[in-house]
Amino acid sequence: FLTEYGATGVQAALETALFDVLGVTPVFPGGANGLG
């Protein structure tokens, strides 16, 4: 099934809903020393 469809589809459904349909933007807050 994974070979045919690329995944089980559970993660894909959630990520499609948030990132593709809602257009939510993931962003990382950096720190005073770059990342920390």
ModelCIF file with pLDDT and N, C-alpha, C, O atoms, coordinates in Angstrom:
data_MODEL
#
_entry.id   MODEL 
#
_entity.id                         1 
_entity.type                       polymer 
_entity.pdbx_number_of_molecules   1 
#
_entity_poly.entity_id                      1 
_entity_poly.type                           'polypeptide(L)' 
_entity_poly.nstd_linkage                   no 
_entity_poly.nstd_monomer                   no 
_entity_poly.pdbx_seq_one_letter_code       FLTEYGATGVQAALETALFDVLGVTPVFPGGANGLG 
_entity_poly.pdbx_seq_one_letter_code_can   FLTEYGATGVQAALETALFDVLGVTPVFPGGANGLG 
_entity_poly.pdbx_strand_id                 A 
#
loop_
_entity_poly_seq.entity_id 
_entity_poly_seq.num 
_entity_poly_seq.mon_id 
_entity_poly_seq.hetero 
1 1  PHE n 
1 2  LEU n 
1 3  THR n 
1 4  GLU n 
1 5  TYR n 
1 6  GLY n 
1 7  ALA n 
1 8  THR n 
1 9  GLY n 
1 10 VAL n 
1 11 GLN n 
1 12 ALA n 
1 13 ALA n 
1 14 LEU n 
1 15 GLU n 
1 16 THR n 
1 17 ALA n 
1 18 LEU n 
1 19 PHE n 
1 20 ASP n 
1 21 VAL n 
1 22 LEU n 
1 23 GLY n 
1 24 VAL n 
1 25 THR n 
1 26 PRO n 
1 27 VAL n 
1 28 PHE n 
1 29 PRO n 
1 30 GLY n 
1 31 GLY n 
1 32 ALA n 
1 33 ASN n 
1 34 GLY n 
1 35 LEU n 
1 36 GLY n 
#
_struct_asym.id          A 
_struct_asym.entity_id   1 
#
loop_
_ma_qa_metric.id 
_ma_qa_metric.mode 
_ma_qa_metric.name 
_ma_qa_metric.software_group_id 
_ma_qa_metric.type 
1 global pLDDT . pLDDT 
2 local  pLDDT . pLDDT 
#
_ma_qa_metric_global.metric_id      1 
_ma_qa_metric_global.metric_value   90.19 
_ma_qa_metric_global.model_id       1 
_ma_qa_metric_global.ordinal_id     1 
#
loop_
_ma_qa_metric_local.label_asym_id 
_ma_qa_metric_local.label_comp_id 
_ma_qa_metric_local.label_seq_id 
_ma_qa_metric_local.metric_id 
_ma_qa_metric_local.metric_value 
_ma_qa_metric_local.model_id 
_ma_qa_metric_local.ordinal_id 
A PHE 1  2 96.00 1 1  
A LEU 2  2 97.00 1 2  
A THR 3  2 96.00 1 3  
A GLU 4  2 95.00 1 4  
A TYR 5  2 96.00 1 5  
A GLY 6  2 96.00 1 6  
A ALA 7  2 97.00 1 7  
A THR 8  2 97.00 1 8  
A GLY 9  2 97.00 1 9  
A VAL 10 2 97.00 1 10 
A GLN 11 2 97.00 1 11 
A ALA 12 2 97.00 1 12 
A ALA 13 2 98.00 1 13 
A LEU 14 2 98.00 1 14 
A GLU 15 2 98.00 1 15 
A THR 16 2 98.00 1 16 
A ALA 17 2 98.00 1 17 
A LEU 18 2 97.00 1 18 
A PHE 19 2 97.00 1 19 
A ASP 20 2 96.00 1 20 
A VAL 21 2 95.00 1 21 
A LEU 22 2 94.00 1 22 
A GLY 23 2 95.00 1 23 
A VAL 24 2 96.00 1 24 
A THR 25 2 97.00 1 25 
A PRO 26 2 97.00 1 26 
A VAL 27 2 96.00 1 27 
A PHE 28 2 96.00 1 28 
A PRO 29 2 94.00 1 29 
A GLY 30 2 89.00 1 30 
A GLY 31 2 73.00 1 31 
A ALA 32 2 57.00 1 32 
A ASN 33 2 54.00 1 33 
A GLY 34 2 54.00 1 34 
A LEU 35 2 63.00 1 35 
A GLY 36 2 59.00 1 36 
#
loop_
_atom_site.group_PDB 
_atom_site.id 
_atom_site.type_symbol 
_atom_site.label_atom_id 
_atom_site.label_alt_id 
_atom_site.label_comp_id 
_atom_site.label_asym_id 
_atom_site.label_entity_id 
_atom_site.label_seq_id 
_atom_site.pdbx_PDB_ins_code 
_atom_site.Cartn_x 
_atom_site.Cartn_y 
_atom_site.Cartn_z 
_atom_site.occupancy 
_atom_site.B_iso_or_equiv 
_atom_site.pdbx_formal_charge 
_atom_site.auth_seq_id 
_atom_site.auth_comp_id 
_atom_site.auth_asym_id 
_atom_site.auth_atom_id 
_atom_site.pdbx_PDB_model_num 
ATOM 1   N N  . PHE A 1 1  ? 0.836  -1.203 0.000  1.00 96.00 ? 1  PHE A N  1 
ATOM 2   C CA . PHE A 1 1  ? 0.000  0.000  0.000  1.00 96.00 ? 1  PHE A CA 1 
ATOM 3   C C  . PHE A 1 1  ? 0.873  1.256  0.000  1.00 96.00 ? 1  PHE A C  1 
ATOM 4   O O  . PHE A 1 1  ? 0.605  2.200  -0.743 1.00 96.00 ? 1  PHE A O  1 
ATOM 5   N N  . LEU A 1 2  ? 1.926  1.266  0.842  1.00 97.00 ? 2  LEU A N  1 
ATOM 6   C CA . LEU A 1 2  ? 2.831  2.426  0.899  1.00 97.00 ? 2  LEU A CA 1 
ATOM 7   C C  . LEU A 1 2  ? 3.519  2.642  -0.451 1.00 97.00 ? 2  LEU A C  1 
ATOM 8   O O  . LEU A 1 2  ? 3.697  3.776  -0.896 1.00 97.00 ? 2  LEU A O  1 
ATOM 9   N N  . THR A 1 3  ? 3.898  1.546  -1.087 1.00 96.00 ? 3  THR A N  1 
ATOM 10  C CA . THR A 1 3  ? 4.560  1.652  -2.395 1.00 96.00 ? 3  THR A CA 1 
ATOM 11  C C  . THR A 1 3  ? 3.620  2.290  -3.416 1.00 96.00 ? 3  THR A C  1 
ATOM 12  O O  . THR A 1 3  ? 4.029  3.118  -4.229 1.00 96.00 ? 3  THR A O  1 
ATOM 13  N N  . GLU A 1 4  ? 2.348  1.882  -3.353 1.00 95.00 ? 4  GLU A N  1 
ATOM 14  C CA . GLU A 1 4  ? 1.348  2.394  -4.305 1.00 95.00 ? 4  GLU A CA 1 
ATOM 15  C C  . GLU A 1 4  ? 1.024  3.865  -4.050 1.00 95.00 ? 4  GLU A C  1 
ATOM 16  O O  . GLU A 1 4  ? 0.917  4.645  -4.997 1.00 95.00 ? 4  GLU A O  1 
ATOM 17  N N  . TYR A 1 5  ? 0.864  4.258  -2.769 1.00 96.00 ? 5  TYR A N  1 
ATOM 18  C CA . TYR A 1 5  ? 0.343  5.601  -2.464 1.00 96.00 ? 5  TYR A CA 1 
ATOM 19  C C  . TYR A 1 5  ? 1.354  6.546  -1.789 1.00 96.00 ? 5  TYR A C  1 
ATOM 20  O O  . TYR A 1 5  ? 1.038  7.700  -1.499 1.00 96.00 ? 5  TYR A O  1 
ATOM 21  N N  . GLY A 1 6  ? 2.579  6.037  -1.545 1.00 96.00 ? 6  GLY A N  1 
ATOM 22  C CA . GLY A 1 6  ? 3.622  6.929  -1.028 1.00 96.00 ? 6  GLY A CA 1 
ATOM 23  C C  . GLY A 1 6  ? 3.623  7.088  0.483  1.00 96.00 ? 6  GLY A C  1 
ATOM 24  O O  . GLY A 1 6  ? 4.609  7.566  1.045  1.00 96.00 ? 6  GLY A O  1 
ATOM 25  N N  . ALA A 1 7  ? 2.547  6.702  1.155  1.00 97.00 ? 7  ALA A N  1 
ATOM 26  C CA . ALA A 1 7  ? 2.441  6.807  2.618  1.00 97.00 ? 7  ALA A CA 1 
ATOM 27  C C  . ALA A 1 7  ? 1.072  6.275  3.018  1.00 97.00 ? 7  ALA A C  1 
ATOM 28  O O  . ALA A 1 7  ? 0.257  5.955  2.152  1.00 97.00 ? 7  ALA A O  1 
ATOM 29  N N  . THR A 1 8  ? 0.808  6.177  4.319  1.00 97.00 ? 8  THR A N  1 
ATOM 30  C CA . THR A 1 8  ? -0.530 5.725  4.748  1.00 97.00 ? 8  THR A CA 1 
ATOM 31  C C  . THR A 1 8  ? -1.574 6.808  4.539  1.00 97.00 ? 8  THR A C  1 
ATOM 32  O O  . THR A 1 8  ? -2.770 6.518  4.493  1.00 97.00 ? 8  THR A O  1 
ATOM 33  N N  . GLY A 1 9  ? -1.123 8.078  4.411  1.00 97.00 ? 9  GLY A N  1 
ATOM 34  C CA . GLY A 1 9  ? -2.065 9.176  4.151  1.00 97.00 ? 9  GLY A CA 1 
ATOM 35  C C  . GLY A 1 9  ? -2.525 9.917  5.401  1.00 97.00 ? 9  GLY A C  1 
ATOM 36  O O  . GLY A 1 9  ? -3.109 10.994 5.289  1.00 97.00 ? 9  GLY A O  1 
ATOM 37  N N  . VAL A 1 10 ? -2.274 9.362  6.599  1.00 97.00 ? 10 VAL A N  1 
ATOM 38  C CA . VAL A 1 10 ? -2.733 10.044 7.826  1.00 97.00 ? 10 VAL A CA 1 
ATOM 39  C C  . VAL A 1 10 ? -1.955 11.340 8.026  1.00 97.00 ? 10 VAL A C  1 
ATOM 40  O O  . VAL A 1 10 ? -2.554 12.396 8.231  1.00 97.00 ? 10 VAL A O  1 
ATOM 41  N N  . GLN A 1 11 ? -0.608 11.269 7.967  1.00 97.00 ? 11 GLN A N  1 
ATOM 42  C CA . GLN A 1 11 ? 0.202  12.491 8.070  1.00 97.00 ? 11 GLN A CA 1 
ATOM 43  C C  . GLN A 1 11 ? -0.137 13.457 6.935  1.00 97.00 ? 11 GLN A C  1 
ATOM 44  O O  . GLN A 1 11 ? -0.277 14.661 7.149  1.00 97.00 ? 11 GLN A O  1 
ATOM 45  N N  . ALA A 1 12 ? -0.267 12.910 5.730  1.00 97.00 ? 12 ALA A N  1 
ATOM 46  C CA . ALA A 1 12 ? -0.522 13.763 4.558  1.00 97.00 ? 12 ALA A CA 1 
ATOM 47  C C  . ALA A 1 12 ? -1.825 14.542 4.711  1.00 97.00 ? 12 ALA A C  1 
ATOM 48  O O  . ALA A 1 12 ? -1.894 15.712 4.337  1.00 97.00 ? 12 ALA A O  1 
ATOM 49  N N  . ALA A 1 13 ? -2.868 13.894 5.263  1.00 98.00 ? 13 ALA A N  1 
ATOM 50  C CA . ALA A 1 13 ? -4.152 14.588 5.430  1.00 98.00 ? 13 ALA A CA 1 
ATOM 51  C C  . ALA A 1 13 ? -4.024 15.769 6.386  1.00 98.00 ? 13 ALA A C  1 
ATOM 52  O O  . ALA A 1 13 ? -4.552 16.849 6.120  1.00 98.00 ? 13 ALA A O  1 
ATOM 53  N N  . LEU A 1 14 ? -3.317 15.559 7.504  1.00 98.00 ? 14 LEU A N  1 
ATOM 54  C CA . LEU A 1 14 ? -3.140 16.632 8.496  1.00 98.00 ? 14 LEU A CA 1 
ATOM 55  C C  . LEU A 1 14 ? -2.304 17.773 7.915  1.00 98.00 ? 14 LEU A C  1 
ATOM 56  O O  . LEU A 1 14 ? -2.635 18.947 8.082  1.00 98.00 ? 14 LEU A O  1 
ATOM 57  N N  . GLU A 1 15 ? -1.220 17.412 7.234  1.00 98.00 ? 15 GLU A N  1 
ATOM 58  C CA . GLU A 1 15 ? -0.313 18.439 6.699  1.00 98.00 ? 15 GLU A CA 1 
ATOM 59  C C  . GLU A 1 15 ? -0.945 19.182 5.525  1.00 98.00 ? 15 GLU A C  1 
ATOM 60  O O  . GLU A 1 15 ? -0.723 20.381 5.356  1.00 98.00 ? 15 GLU A O  1 
ATOM 61  N N  . THR A 1 16 ? -1.730 18.474 4.716  1.00 98.00 ? 16 THR A N  1 
ATOM 62  C CA . THR A 1 16 ? -2.452 19.133 3.622  1.00 98.00 ? 16 THR A CA 1 
ATOM 63  C C  . THR A 1 16 ? -3.431 20.152 4.203  1.00 98.00 ? 16 THR A C  1 
ATOM 64  O O  . THR A 1 16 ? -3.563 21.262 3.688  1.00 98.00 ? 16 THR A O  1 
ATOM 65  N N  . ALA A 1 17 ? -4.118 19.762 5.286  1.00 98.00 ? 17 ALA A N  1 
ATOM 66  C CA . ALA A 1 17 ? -5.095 20.662 5.917  1.00 98.00 ? 17 ALA A CA 1 
ATOM 67  C C  . ALA A 1 17 ? -4.423 21.932 6.431  1.00 98.00 ? 17 ALA A C  1 
ATOM 68  O O  . ALA A 1 17 ? -4.915 23.035 6.192  1.00 98.00 ? 17 ALA A O  1 
ATOM 69  N N  . LEU A 1 18 ? -3.301 21.781 7.137  1.00 97.00 ? 18 LEU A N  1 
ATOM 70  C CA . LEU A 1 18 ? -2.663 22.960 7.742  1.00 97.00 ? 18 LEU A CA 1 
ATOM 71  C C  . LEU A 1 18 ? -1.863 23.776 6.732  1.00 97.00 ? 18 LEU A C  1 
ATOM 72  O O  . LEU A 1 18 ? -2.034 24.992 6.636  1.00 97.00 ? 18 LEU A O  1 
ATOM 73  N N  . PHE A 1 19 ? -0.991 23.108 5.982  1.00 97.00 ? 19 PHE A N  1 
ATOM 74  C CA . PHE A 1 19 ? -0.035 23.851 5.153  1.00 97.00 ? 19 PHE A CA 1 
ATOM 75  C C  . PHE A 1 19 ? -0.604 24.236 3.782  1.00 97.00 ? 19 PHE A C  1 
ATOM 76  O O  . PHE A 1 19 ? -0.382 25.351 3.310  1.00 97.00 ? 19 PHE A O  1 
ATOM 77  N N  . ASP A 1 20 ? -1.341 23.312 3.141  1.00 96.00 ? 20 ASP A N  1 
ATOM 78  C CA . ASP A 1 20 ? -1.832 23.598 1.790  1.00 96.00 ? 20 ASP A CA 1 
ATOM 79  C C  . ASP A 1 20 ? -3.157 24.348 1.807  1.00 96.00 ? 20 ASP A C  1 
ATOM 80  O O  . ASP A 1 20 ? -3.348 25.307 1.059  1.00 96.00 ? 20 ASP A O  1 
ATOM 81  N N  . VAL A 1 21 ? -4.078 23.900 2.671  1.00 95.00 ? 21 VAL A N  1 
ATOM 82  C CA . VAL A 1 21 ? -5.417 24.497 2.662  1.00 95.00 ? 21 VAL A CA 1 
ATOM 83  C C  . VAL A 1 21 ? -5.459 25.786 3.479  1.00 95.00 ? 21 VAL A C  1 
ATOM 84  O O  . VAL A 1 21 ? -5.964 26.805 3.009  1.00 95.00 ? 21 VAL A O  1 
ATOM 85  N N  . LEU A 1 22 ? -4.923 25.741 4.713  1.00 94.00 ? 22 LEU A N  1 
ATOM 86  C CA . LEU A 1 22 ? -4.928 26.958 5.542  1.00 94.00 ? 22 LEU A CA 1 
ATOM 87  C C  . LEU A 1 22 ? -3.749 27.882 5.225  1.00 94.00 ? 22 LEU A C  1 
ATOM 88  O O  . LEU A 1 22 ? -3.818 29.084 5.479  1.00 94.00 ? 22 LEU A O  1 
ATOM 89  N N  . GLY A 1 23 ? -2.677 27.327 4.676  1.00 95.00 ? 23 GLY A N  1 
ATOM 90  C CA . GLY A 1 23 ? -1.514 28.155 4.355  1.00 95.00 ? 23 GLY A CA 1 
ATOM 91  C C  . GLY A 1 23 ? -0.695 28.546 5.565  1.00 95.00 ? 23 GLY A C  1 
ATOM 92  O O  . GLY A 1 23 ? -0.014 29.571 5.547  1.00 95.00 ? 23 GLY A O  1 
ATOM 93  N N  . VAL A 1 24 ? -0.750 27.738 6.629  1.00 96.00 ? 24 VAL A N  1 
ATOM 94  C CA . VAL A 1 24 ? -0.022 28.030 7.868  1.00 96.00 ? 24 VAL A CA 1 
ATOM 95  C C  . VAL A 1 24 ? 1.489  28.039 7.589  1.00 96.00 ? 24 VAL A C  1 
ATOM 96  O O  . VAL A 1 24 ? 1.985  27.227 6.807  1.00 96.00 ? 24 VAL A O  1 
ATOM 97  N N  . THR A 1 25 ? 2.211  28.961 8.232  1.00 97.00 ? 25 THR A N  1 
ATOM 98  C CA . THR A 1 25 ? 3.646  29.141 8.016  1.00 97.00 ? 25 THR A CA 1 
ATOM 99  C C  . THR A 1 25 ? 4.437  28.669 9.234  1.00 97.00 ? 25 THR A C  1 
ATOM 100 O O  . THR A 1 25 ? 4.259  29.220 10.321 1.00 97.00 ? 25 THR A O  1 
ATOM 101 N N  . PRO A 1 26 ? 5.308  27.663 9.088  1.00 97.00 ? 26 PRO A N  1 
ATOM 102 C CA . PRO A 1 26 ? 6.179  27.287 10.200 1.00 97.00 ? 26 PRO A CA 1 
ATOM 103 C C  . PRO A 1 26 ? 7.389  28.220 10.262 1.00 97.00 ? 26 PRO A C  1 
ATOM 104 O O  . PRO A 1 26 ? 7.998  28.518 9.234  1.00 97.00 ? 26 PRO A O  1 
ATOM 105 N N  . VAL A 1 27 ? 7.737  28.680 11.464 1.00 96.00 ? 27 VAL A N  1 
ATOM 106 C CA . VAL A 1 27 ? 8.879  29.593 11.615 1.00 96.00 ? 27 VAL A CA 1 
ATOM 107 C C  . VAL A 1 27 ? 9.596  29.295 12.923 1.00 96.00 ? 27 VAL A C  1 
ATOM 108 O O  . VAL A 1 27 ? 8.963  28.988 13.934 1.00 96.00 ? 27 VAL A O  1 
ATOM 109 N N  . PHE A 1 28 ? 10.921 29.386 12.896 1.00 96.00 ? 28 PHE A N  1 
ATOM 110 C CA . PHE A 1 28 ? 11.753 29.104 14.069 1.00 96.00 ? 28 PHE A CA 1 
ATOM 111 C C  . PHE A 1 28 ? 12.248 30.415 14.673 1.00 96.00 ? 28 PHE A C  1 
ATOM 112 O O  . PHE A 1 28 ? 12.894 31.196 13.974 1.00 96.00 ? 28 PHE A O  1 
ATOM 113 N N  . PRO A 1 29 ? 11.962 30.683 15.961 1.00 94.00 ? 29 PRO A N  1 
ATOM 114 C CA . PRO A 1 29 ? 12.567 31.852 16.601 1.00 94.00 ? 29 PRO A CA 1 
ATOM 115 C C  . PRO A 1 29 ? 14.049 31.577 16.867 1.00 94.00 ? 29 PRO A C  1 
ATOM 116 O O  . PRO A 1 29 ? 14.404 30.581 17.497 1.00 94.00 ? 29 PRO A O  1 
ATOM 117 N N  . GLY A 1 30 ? 14.906 32.478 16.376 1.00 89.00 ? 30 GLY A N  1 
ATOM 118 C CA . GLY A 1 30 ? 16.339 32.373 16.657 1.00 89.00 ? 30 GLY A CA 1 
ATOM 119 C C  . GLY A 1 30 ? 16.656 33.027 17.988 1.00 89.00 ? 30 GLY A C  1 
ATOM 120 O O  . GLY A 1 30 ? 15.769 33.579 18.639 1.00 89.00 ? 30 GLY A O  1 
ATOM 121 N N  . GLY A 1 31 ? 17.931 32.969 18.399 1.00 73.00 ? 31 GLY A N  1 
ATOM 122 C CA . GLY A 1 31 ? 18.323 33.558 19.682 1.00 73.00 ? 31 GLY A CA 1 
ATOM 123 C C  . GLY A 1 31 ? 19.450 34.544 19.528 1.00 73.00 ? 31 GLY A C  1 
ATOM 124 O O  . GLY A 1 31 ? 19.931 34.793 18.422 1.00 73.00 ? 31 GLY A O  1 
ATOM 125 N N  . ALA A 1 32 ? 19.872 35.107 20.650 1.00 57.00 ? 32 ALA A N  1 
ATOM 126 C CA . ALA A 1 32 ? 20.909 36.149 20.638 1.00 57.00 ? 32 ALA A CA 1 
ATOM 127 C C  . ALA A 1 32 ? 22.225 35.622 20.076 1.00 57.00 ? 32 ALA A C  1 
ATOM 128 O O  . ALA A 1 32 ? 23.019 36.385 19.525 1.00 57.00 ? 32 ALA A O  1 
ATOM 129 N N  . ASN A 1 33 ? 22.459 34.299 20.216 1.00 54.00 ? 33 ASN A N  1 
ATOM 130 C CA . ASN A 1 33 ? 23.695 33.720 19.677 1.00 54.00 ? 33 ASN A CA 1 
ATOM 131 C C  . ASN A 1 33 ? 23.414 32.969 18.379 1.00 54.00 ? 33 ASN A C  1 
ATOM 132 O O  . ASN A 1 33 ? 23.992 31.911 18.130 1.00 54.00 ? 33 ASN A O  1 
ATOM 133 N N  . GLY A 1 34 ? 22.544 33.509 17.572 1.00 54.00 ? 34 GLY A N  1 
ATOM 134 C CA . GLY A 1 34 ? 22.176 32.838 16.328 1.00 54.00 ? 34 GLY A CA 1 
ATOM 135 C C  . GLY A 1 34 ? 20.978 31.946 16.543 1.00 54.00 ? 34 GLY A C  1 
ATOM 136 O O  . GLY A 1 34 ? 19.840 32.379 16.359 1.00 54.00 ? 34 GLY A O  1 
ATOM 137 N N  . LEU A 1 35 ? 21.222 30.680 16.937 1.00 63.00 ? 35 LEU A N  1 
ATOM 138 C CA . LEU A 1 35 ? 20.110 29.746 17.091 1.00 63.00 ? 35 LEU A CA 1 
ATOM 139 C C  . LEU A 1 35 ? 19.737 29.503 18.544 1.00 63.00 ? 35 LEU A C  1 
ATOM 140 O O  . LEU A 1 35 ? 18.580 29.212 18.849 1.00 63.00 ? 35 LEU A O  1 
ATOM 141 N N  . GLY A 1 36 ? 20.705 29.620 19.439 1.00 59.00 ? 36 GLY A N  1 
ATOM 142 C CA . GLY A 1 36 ? 20.482 29.224 20.826 1.00 59.00 ? 36 GLY A CA 1 
ATOM 143 C C  . GLY A 1 36 ? 19.838 30.318 21.655 1.00 59.00 ? 36 GLY A C  1 
ATOM 144 O O  . GLY A 1 36 ? 19.590 30.126 22.846 1.00 59.00 ? 36 GLY A O  1 
#
